[in-house]
C-alpha cells in the first residue's frame, strides 16, 4: 500500500481497546522481565532524549490530513537533532515516526533532490503552533529561536489518524504547517491540544514576535508550497542484487 488516502481493511483489536494494536494483555511474567531488564540495562539512547516538543504535521501528499505530533528530542550536536515522534504524550502512546532536524548550514550542503524532502520550522514556531509543554515560555525561547532556523525531515510510519491498528504500508513524508490555505491547522485540532496543555496558541503567537526565522528560506524546502507538488512513497517490486560467487 502506498502512502495514500486509501484506508486499510478493518483490523479489530483482540483486547477491545479502540486505539490500541491487536494483542493479548501483558502477562505478569512479561511485566517482571521488563522491570528486571530496566534495572540492569542502561537504555542510554533513550536517556539522551532531553526535550519534549508538541506541534502539528500534515501529510505531504495531502496537507488537509493533519495530526498532533509529540517529538522527544536527542541532540547529537548543535547542528543535528533526532526525534522519536508519538501521537500523544500518554503512557500508551504510539510511536508513529522519526524526524531529523538540521541547521541551515547542514541543509544548504544537501543536494536539491534531497532538500525536496525537508520542511522549515519558523512558521509553526512564530505562530505558537510548536510548544514545549510545561516549560515556561521565557525558559524555552532561546531553544525556540534556534529551531526556527532549522529544517526537518519527518517520516510517518504509522498512520493512526486513519484508524490503522498496526503500522501498515509505506512510510509517508510529512510537512510542517504553513501560511497557505491547506497548510493552516484546523481550529478543532488546535483547540484540543491547547485544552490538553492549558495554553493559548494566540497568546504564544503574540509573545513570539521577536523570534526570527531563516534569513533566506531555500525554495527547495516546503516543496509543495513553492512547486504545487506533493511527494509520496510507493512500494515497487524489484530484482534483488545477487552476491558474486565465491572464488
C-alpha atoms as a PDB file:
ATOM      1  CA  UNK A   1       0.000   0.000   0.000  1.00  0.00           C
ATOM      2  CA  UNK A   2       1.345   3.438  -0.914  1.00  0.00           C
ATOM      3  CA  UNK A   3       1.245   6.424   1.386  1.00  0.00           C
ATOM      4  CA  UNK A   4      -2.154   7.389   0.036  1.00  0.00           C
ATOM      5  CA  UNK A   5      -5.593   8.087   1.460  1.00  0.00           C
ATOM      6  CA  UNK A   6      -6.718   4.538   0.787  1.00  0.00           C
ATOM      7  CA  UNK A   7      -7.840   3.036   4.070  1.00  0.00           C
ATOM      8  CA  UNK A   8      -6.757  -0.468   5.005  1.00  0.00           C
ATOM      9  CA  UNK A   9      -9.369  -3.052   5.859  1.00  0.00           C
ATOM     10  CA  UNK A  10     -10.705  -3.218   9.426  1.00  0.00           C
ATOM     11  CA  UNK A  11      -8.344  -4.859  11.886  1.00  0.00           C
ATOM     12  CA  UNK A  12     -10.230  -5.477  15.151  1.00  0.00           C
ATOM     13  CA  UNK A  13      -8.257  -5.301  18.372  1.00  0.00           C
ATOM     14  CA  UNK A  14      -8.447  -8.548  20.347  1.00  0.00           C
ATOM     15  CA  UNK A  15      -8.158  -6.703  23.640  1.00  0.00           C
ATOM     16  CA  UNK A  16     -11.098  -4.461  22.776  1.00  0.00           C
ATOM     17  CA  UNK A  17      -9.119  -1.224  23.148  1.00  0.00           C
ATOM     18  CA  UNK A  18     -10.220   1.099  20.388  1.00  0.00           C
ATOM     19  CA  UNK A  19      -6.907   2.895  19.927  1.00  0.00           C
ATOM     20  CA  UNK A  20      -4.528   0.052  20.687  1.00  0.00           C
ATOM     21  CA  UNK A  21      -2.961  -2.531  18.369  1.00  0.00           C
ATOM     22  CA  UNK A  22      -4.347  -6.065  18.432  1.00  0.00           C
ATOM     23  CA  UNK A  23      -2.810  -8.369  21.019  1.00  0.00           C
ATOM     24  CA  UNK A  24      -3.316 -10.017  24.380  1.00  0.00           C
ATOM     25  CA  UNK A  25      -2.659  -8.109  27.631  1.00  0.00           C
ATOM     26  CA  UNK A  26       0.817  -8.412  29.115  1.00  0.00           C
ATOM     27  CA  UNK A  27       1.334 -11.396  31.380  1.00  0.00           C
ATOM     28  CA  UNK A  28       2.812 -10.977  34.848  1.00  0.00           C
ATOM     29  CA  UNK A  29       5.906 -12.829  33.632  1.00  0.00           C
ATOM     30  CA  UNK A  30       6.440 -10.312  30.836  1.00  0.00           C
ATOM     31  CA  UNK A  31       5.965  -7.408  33.244  1.00  0.00           C
ATOM     32  CA  UNK A  32       8.593  -8.840  35.618  1.00  0.00           C
ATOM     33  CA  UNK A  33      11.045  -9.461  32.767  1.00  0.00           C
ATOM     34  CA  UNK A  34      10.649  -5.846  31.589  1.00  0.00           C
ATOM     35  CA  UNK A  35      11.150  -4.463  35.107  1.00  0.00           C
ATOM     36  CA  UNK A  36      14.227  -6.622  35.657  1.00  0.00           C
ATOM     37  CA  UNK A  37      15.732  -5.623  32.322  1.00  0.00           C
ATOM     38  CA  UNK A  38      15.111  -1.930  33.046  1.00  0.00           C
ATOM     39  CA  UNK A  39      17.069  -2.267  36.304  1.00  0.00           C
ATOM     40  CA  UNK A  40      20.066  -3.929  34.635  1.00  0.00           C
ATOM     41  CA  UNK A  41      20.258  -2.246  31.231  1.00  0.00           C
ATOM     42  CA  UNK A  42      21.493   1.282  30.641  1.00  0.00           C
ATOM     43  CA  UNK A  43      18.972   2.359  27.962  1.00  0.00           C
ATOM     44  CA  UNK A  44      21.483   5.074  27.061  1.00  0.00           C
ATOM     45  CA  UNK A  45      19.900   6.230  23.777  1.00  0.00           C
ATOM     46  CA  UNK A  46      16.509   6.824  25.407  1.00  0.00           C
ATOM     47  CA  UNK A  47      18.043   8.720  28.316  1.00  0.00           C
ATOM     48  CA  UNK A  48      19.593  11.175  25.871  1.00  0.00           C
ATOM     49  CA  UNK A  49      16.122  12.473  24.978  1.00  0.00           C
ATOM     50  CA  UNK A  50      16.104  15.787  26.791  1.00  0.00           C
ATOM     51  CA  UNK A  51      13.300  17.829  25.240  1.00  0.00           C
ATOM     52  CA  UNK A  52       9.586  17.332  24.517  1.00  0.00           C
ATOM     53  CA  UNK A  53       8.071  19.412  21.703  1.00  0.00           C
ATOM     54  CA  UNK A  54       4.429  19.340  20.653  1.00  0.00           C
ATOM     55  CA  UNK A  55       3.254  20.595  17.282  1.00  0.00           C
ATOM     56  CA  UNK A  56       1.277  19.540  14.225  1.00  0.00           C
ATOM     57  CA  UNK A  57       2.153  17.925  10.905  1.00  0.00           C
ATOM     58  CA  UNK A  58       0.454  17.485   7.541  1.00  0.00           C
ATOM     59  CA  UNK A  59       0.758  14.574   5.135  1.00  0.00           C
ATOM     60  CA  UNK A  60       2.988  15.531   2.215  1.00  0.00           C
ATOM     61  CA  UNK A  61       0.635  14.041  -0.374  1.00  0.00           C
ATOM     62  CA  UNK A  62      -2.479  15.560   1.254  1.00  0.00           C
ATOM     63  CA  UNK A  63      -1.904  18.511   3.631  1.00  0.00           C
ATOM     64  CA  UNK A  64      -5.602  18.509   4.561  1.00  0.00           C
ATOM     65  CA  UNK A  65      -4.800  15.424   6.670  1.00  0.00           C
ATOM     66  CA  UNK A  66      -3.333  16.911   9.841  1.00  0.00           C
ATOM     67  CA  UNK A  67      -2.213  15.361  13.115  1.00  0.00           C
ATOM     68  CA  UNK A  68      -0.883  16.423  16.501  1.00  0.00           C
ATOM     69  CA  UNK A  69       2.675  15.206  16.998  1.00  0.00           C
ATOM     70  CA  UNK A  70       4.883  14.904  20.074  1.00  0.00           C
ATOM     71  CA  UNK A  71       8.635  14.962  19.488  1.00  0.00           C
ATOM     72  CA  UNK A  72      11.117  13.572  22.011  1.00  0.00           C
ATOM     73  CA  UNK A  73      14.440  15.099  21.081  1.00  0.00           C
ATOM     74  CA  UNK A  74      18.004  13.764  21.308  1.00  0.00           C
ATOM     75  CA  UNK A  75      20.581  16.427  20.487  1.00  0.00           C
ATOM     76  CA  UNK A  76      23.671  14.913  18.841  1.00  0.00           C
ATOM     77  CA  UNK A  77      25.341  18.309  18.392  1.00  0.00           C
ATOM     78  CA  UNK A  78      24.428  21.942  17.829  1.00  0.00           C
ATOM     79  CA  UNK A  79      23.556  21.297  14.171  1.00  0.00           C
ATOM     80  CA  UNK A  80      21.715  17.972  14.343  1.00  0.00           C
ATOM     81  CA  UNK A  81      18.757  16.659  16.353  1.00  0.00           C
ATOM     82  CA  UNK A  82      16.994  13.314  16.082  1.00  0.00           C
ATOM     83  CA  UNK A  83      13.452  12.853  17.348  1.00  0.00           C
ATOM     84  CA  UNK A  84      11.172   9.946  18.172  1.00  0.00           C
ATOM     85  CA  UNK A  85       7.646  11.024  17.198  1.00  0.00           C
ATOM     86  CA  UNK A  86       4.497   9.911  19.060  1.00  0.00           C
ATOM     87  CA  UNK A  87       0.827  10.705  18.531  1.00  0.00           C
ATOM     88  CA  UNK A  88       0.321  11.775  22.170  1.00  0.00           C
ATOM     89  CA  UNK A  89       2.229  12.150  25.436  1.00  0.00           C
ATOM     90  CA  UNK A  90       0.305   9.432  27.299  1.00  0.00           C
ATOM     91  CA  UNK A  91       1.829   6.219  28.628  1.00  0.00           C
ATOM     92  CA  UNK A  92       0.112   4.120  25.947  1.00  0.00           C
ATOM     93  CA  UNK A  93       1.018   6.373  23.025  1.00  0.00           C
ATOM     94  CA  UNK A  94       2.001   5.108  19.574  1.00  0.00           C
ATOM     95  CA  UNK A  95       5.473   5.581  18.084  1.00  0.00           C
ATOM     96  CA  UNK A  96       4.443   6.902  14.660  1.00  0.00           C
ATOM     97  CA  UNK A  97       7.700   8.006  13.081  1.00  0.00           C
ATOM     98  CA  UNK A  98      11.020   9.778  13.243  1.00  0.00           C
ATOM     99  CA  UNK A  99      12.133  13.313  12.428  1.00  0.00           C
ATOM    100  CA  UNK A 100      15.655  14.568  11.793  1.00  0.00           C
ATOM    101  CA  UNK A 101      16.387  18.273  12.282  1.00  0.00           C
ATOM    102  CA  UNK A 102      19.400  20.040  10.795  1.00  0.00           C
ATOM    103  CA  UNK A 103      20.761  23.561  10.918  1.00  0.00           C
ATOM    104  CA  UNK A 104      20.595  25.855   7.909  1.00  0.00           C
ATOM    105  CA  UNK A 105      24.302  25.254   7.331  1.00  0.00           C
ATOM    106  CA  UNK A 106      23.883  21.483   7.021  1.00  0.00           C
ATOM    107  CA  UNK A 107      20.746  21.825   4.916  1.00  0.00           C
ATOM    108  CA  UNK A 108      22.434  24.048   2.339  1.00  0.00           C
ATOM    109  CA  UNK A 109      25.069  21.335   1.808  1.00  0.00           C
ATOM    110  CA  UNK A 110      22.417  18.807   0.701  1.00  0.00           C
ATOM    111  CA  UNK A 111      21.607  18.092  -2.934  1.00  0.00           C
ATOM    112  CA  UNK A 112      18.477  19.762  -4.398  1.00  0.00           C
ATOM    113  CA  UNK A 113      16.768  16.368  -4.701  1.00  0.00           C
ATOM    114  CA  UNK A 114      17.375  15.692  -1.016  1.00  0.00           C
ATOM    115  CA  UNK A 115      16.269  19.192   0.001  1.00  0.00           C
ATOM    116  CA  UNK A 116      12.830  18.498  -1.510  1.00  0.00           C
ATOM    117  CA  UNK A 117      12.160  16.092   1.386  1.00  0.00           C
ATOM    118  CA  UNK A 118      12.666  18.701   4.109  1.00  0.00           C
ATOM    119  CA  UNK A 119      10.438  21.379   5.644  1.00  0.00           C
ATOM    120  CA  UNK A 120      11.043  24.624   7.543  1.00  0.00           C
ATOM    121  CA  UNK A 121      10.059  25.268  11.173  1.00  0.00           C
ATOM    122  CA  UNK A 122       9.861  29.057  11.516  1.00  0.00           C
ATOM    123  CA  UNK A 123       6.142  29.428  10.743  1.00  0.00           C
ATOM    124  CA  UNK A 124       4.973  26.887  13.320  1.00  0.00           C
ATOM    125  CA  UNK A 125       7.166  28.470  15.996  1.00  0.00           C
ATOM    126  CA  UNK A 126       6.304  32.091  15.232  1.00  0.00           C
ATOM    127  CA  UNK A 127       2.576  31.309  15.238  1.00  0.00           C
ATOM    128  CA  UNK A 128       2.676  29.393  18.535  1.00  0.00           C
ATOM    129  CA  UNK A 129       1.867  26.018  16.975  1.00  0.00           C
ATOM    130  CA  UNK A 130       5.063  24.394  18.269  1.00  0.00           C
ATOM    131  CA  UNK A 131       5.264  24.392  22.060  1.00  0.00           C
ATOM    132  CA  UNK A 132       7.416  22.994  24.857  1.00  0.00           C
ATOM    133  CA  UNK A 133       4.810  21.525  27.245  1.00  0.00           C
ATOM    134  CA  UNK A 134       5.149  22.574  30.888  1.00  0.00           C
ATOM    135  CA  UNK A 135       8.314  24.584  30.181  1.00  0.00           C
ATOM    136  CA  UNK A 136       7.792  28.340  30.750  1.00  0.00           C
ATOM    137  CA  UNK A 137       7.945  30.367  27.542  1.00  0.00           C
ATOM    138  CA  UNK A 138      10.761  32.531  28.889  1.00  0.00           C
ATOM    139  CA  UNK A 139      12.899  29.444  29.506  1.00  0.00           C
ATOM    140  CA  UNK A 140      12.033  27.837  26.167  1.00  0.00           C
ATOM    141  CA  UNK A 141      12.504  30.903  23.991  1.00  0.00           C
ATOM    142  CA  UNK A 142      16.251  30.534  23.262  1.00  0.00           C
ATOM    143  CA  UNK A 143      15.686  26.954  22.072  1.00  0.00           C
ATOM    144  CA  UNK A 144      12.678  28.002  20.012  1.00  0.00           C
ATOM    145  CA  UNK A 145      14.821  30.673  18.363  1.00  0.00           C
ATOM    146  CA  UNK A 146      17.367  28.006  17.424  1.00  0.00           C
ATOM    147  CA  UNK A 147      14.756  25.635  15.990  1.00  0.00           C
ATOM    148  CA  UNK A 148      13.147  28.460  13.997  1.00  0.00           C
ATOM    149  CA  UNK A 149      16.285  28.490  11.846  1.00  0.00           C
ATOM    150  CA  UNK A 150      16.293  24.740  11.108  1.00  0.00           C
ATOM    151  CA  UNK A 151      14.859  22.272   8.606  1.00  0.00           C
ATOM    152  CA  UNK A 152      13.274  18.886   9.367  1.00  0.00           C
ATOM    153  CA  UNK A 153      12.604  15.604   7.577  1.00  0.00           C
ATOM    154  CA  UNK A 154       9.749  13.617   9.124  1.00  0.00           C
ATOM    155  CA  UNK A 155       8.734  10.109   8.044  1.00  0.00           C
ATOM    156  CA  UNK A 156       5.449   8.827   9.466  1.00  0.00           C
ATOM    157  CA  UNK A 157       5.469   5.029   9.708  1.00  0.00           C
ATOM    158  CA  UNK A 158       2.097   4.511  11.427  1.00  0.00           C
ATOM    159  CA  UNK A 159      -0.993   6.366  10.219  1.00  0.00           C
ATOM    160  CA  UNK A 160      -3.029   6.096  13.400  1.00  0.00           C
ATOM    161  CA  UNK A 161      -5.185   9.046  12.347  1.00  0.00           C
ATOM    162  CA  UNK A 162      -6.927   6.932   9.704  1.00  0.00           C
ATOM    163  CA  UNK A 163      -7.527   4.109  12.171  1.00  0.00           C
ATOM    164  CA  UNK A 164      -4.622   1.798  11.338  1.00  0.00           C
ATOM    165  CA  UNK A 165      -4.280  -0.737  14.164  1.00  0.00           C
ATOM    166  CA  UNK A 166      -0.759  -1.631  13.025  1.00  0.00           C
ATOM    167  CA  UNK A 167       1.961   0.211  11.068  1.00  0.00           C
ATOM    168  CA  UNK A 168       0.705  -0.534   7.555  1.00  0.00           C
ATOM    169  CA  UNK A 169       2.040   0.251   4.105  1.00  0.00           C
ATOM    170  CA  UNK A 170       4.819   2.570   3.059  1.00  0.00           C
ATOM    171  CA  UNK A 171       6.041   5.452   5.204  1.00  0.00           C
ATOM    172  CA  UNK A 172       4.533   8.858   4.486  1.00  0.00           C
ATOM    173  CA  UNK A 173       6.598  12.016   4.147  1.00  0.00           C
ATOM    174  CA  UNK A 174       5.184  14.725   6.399  1.00  0.00           C
ATOM    175  CA  UNK A 175       5.332  18.511   6.039  1.00  0.00           C
ATOM    176  CA  UNK A 176       5.055  21.348   8.523  1.00  0.00           C
ATOM    177  CA  UNK A 177       2.152  23.802   8.812  1.00  0.00           C
ATOM    178  CA  UNK A 178       2.491  26.807   6.508  1.00  0.00           C
ATOM    179  CA  UNK A 179       0.744  30.110   5.847  1.00  0.00           C
ATOM    180  CA  UNK A 180      -1.209  28.786   2.864  1.00  0.00           C
ATOM    181  CA  UNK A 181      -4.764  27.508   2.680  1.00  0.00           C
ATOM    182  CA  UNK A 182      -4.067  23.744   3.017  1.00  0.00           C
ATOM    183  CA  UNK A 183      -1.235  24.323   5.480  1.00  0.00           C
ATOM    184  CA  UNK A 184      -3.261  26.059   8.182  1.00  0.00           C
ATOM    185  CA  UNK A 185      -4.112  23.835  11.127  1.00  0.00           C
ATOM    186  CA  UNK A 186      -7.801  23.121  11.672  1.00  0.00           C
ATOM    187  CA  UNK A 187      -9.267  25.051  14.645  1.00  0.00           C
ATOM    188  CA  UNK A 188     -10.711  21.925  16.282  1.00  0.00           C
ATOM    189  CA  UNK A 189      -7.343  20.163  16.298  1.00  0.00           C
ATOM    190  CA  UNK A 190      -5.666  23.251  17.719  1.00  0.00           C
ATOM    191  CA  UNK A 191      -8.273  23.715  20.454  1.00  0.00           C
ATOM    192  CA  UNK A 192      -7.959  20.077  21.531  1.00  0.00           C
ATOM    193  CA  UNK A 193      -4.184  20.472  22.001  1.00  0.00           C
ATOM    194  CA  UNK A 194      -4.488  23.821  23.787  1.00  0.00           C
ATOM    195  CA  UNK A 195      -7.130  22.483  26.162  1.00  0.00           C
ATOM    196  CA  UNK A 196      -4.981  19.452  26.962  1.00  0.00           C
ATOM    197  CA  UNK A 197      -1.973  21.552  27.981  1.00  0.00           C
ATOM    198  CA  UNK A 198      -3.868  24.574  29.306  1.00  0.00           C
ATOM    199  CA  UNK A 199      -2.246  27.004  26.867  1.00  0.00           C
ATOM    200  CA  UNK A 200      -3.335  29.615  24.330  1.00  0.00           C
ATOM    201  CA  UNK A 201      -1.712  29.449  20.914  1.00  0.00           C
ATOM    202  CA  UNK A 202      -2.844  33.018  20.198  1.00  0.00           C
ATOM    203  CA  UNK A 203      -1.131  34.301  23.351  1.00  0.00           C
ATOM    204  CA  UNK A 204       2.051  32.426  22.479  1.00  0.00           C
ATOM    205  CA  UNK A 205       1.985  33.919  18.985  1.00  0.00           C
ATOM    206  CA  UNK A 206       1.848  37.423  20.453  1.00  0.00           C
ATOM    207  CA  UNK A 207       4.820  36.691  22.715  1.00  0.00           C
ATOM    208  CA  UNK A 208       6.981  35.415  19.844  1.00  0.00           C
ATOM    209  CA  UNK A 209       7.009  38.440  17.561  1.00  0.00           C
ATOM    210  CA  UNK A 210      10.748  38.826  18.164  1.00  0.00           C
ATOM    211  CA  UNK A 211      11.644  35.257  17.074  1.00  0.00           C
ATOM    212  CA  UNK A 212      13.306  35.445  13.687  1.00  0.00           C
ATOM    213  CA  UNK A 213      13.208  32.674  11.107  1.00  0.00           C
ATOM    214  CA  UNK A 214      15.562  31.755   8.318  1.00  0.00           C
ATOM    215  CA  UNK A 215      17.170  34.759   6.645  1.00  0.00           C
ATOM    216  CA  UNK A 216      16.801  33.183   3.212  1.00  0.00           C
ATOM    217  CA  UNK A 217      14.426  30.238   3.096  1.00  0.00           C
ATOM    218  CA  UNK A 218      15.576  27.746   0.470  1.00  0.00           C
ATOM    219  CA  UNK A 219      12.759  27.250  -2.113  1.00  0.00           C
ATOM    220  CA  UNK A 220      13.515  23.528  -2.380  1.00  0.00           C
ATOM    221  CA  UNK A 221      12.265  23.070   1.190  1.00  0.00           C
ATOM    222  CA  UNK A 222       8.480  23.146   1.689  1.00  0.00           C
ATOM    223  CA  UNK A 223       8.426  21.862  -1.878  1.00  0.00           C
ATOM    224  CA  UNK A 224       4.646  21.543  -2.054  1.00  0.00           C
ATOM    225  CA  UNK A 225       4.185  25.229  -1.201  1.00  0.00           C
ATOM    226  CA  UNK A 226       6.591  26.535  -3.847  1.00  0.00           C
ATOM    227  CA  UNK A 227       6.007  23.971  -6.596  1.00  0.00           C
ATOM    228  CA  UNK A 228       2.463  22.677  -6.038  1.00  0.00           C
ATOM    229  CA  UNK A 229       3.580  19.043  -6.000  1.00  0.00           C
ATOM    230  CA  UNK A 230       3.315  16.588  -3.119  1.00  0.00           C
ATOM    231  CA  UNK A 231       5.703  13.718  -2.505  1.00  0.00           C
ATOM    232  CA  UNK A 232       4.638  10.149  -1.683  1.00  0.00           C
ATOM    233  CA  UNK A 233       6.260   6.731  -1.386  1.00  0.00           C
ATOM    234  CA  UNK A 234       5.201   3.624  -3.332  1.00  0.00           C
ATOM    235  CA  UNK A 235       6.455   0.068  -2.839  1.00  0.00           C
ATOM    236  CA  UNK A 236       7.822  -1.343  -6.073  1.00  0.00           C
ATOM    237  CA  UNK A 237       8.850  -4.929  -6.728  1.00  0.00           C
ATOM    238  CA  UNK A 238      12.427  -5.087  -7.968  1.00  0.00           C
ATOM    239  CA  UNK A 239      15.126  -7.582  -8.786  1.00  0.00           C
ATOM    240  CA  UNK A 240      17.403  -8.275  -5.856  1.00  0.00           C
ATOM    241  CA  UNK A 241      21.102  -7.733  -6.206  1.00  0.00           C
ATOM    242  CA  UNK A 242      22.912 -11.056  -6.269  1.00  0.00           C
ATOM    243  CA  UNK A 243      26.130 -11.821  -4.475  1.00  0.00           C
ATOM    244  CA  UNK A 244      29.056 -12.600  -6.689  1.00  0.00           C
ATOM    245  CA  UNK A 245      30.066 -16.281  -6.464  1.00  0.00           C
ATOM    246  CA  UNK A 246      32.935 -17.066  -4.141  1.00  0.00           C
ATOM    247  CA  UNK A 247      36.177 -17.948  -5.955  1.00  0.00           C
END
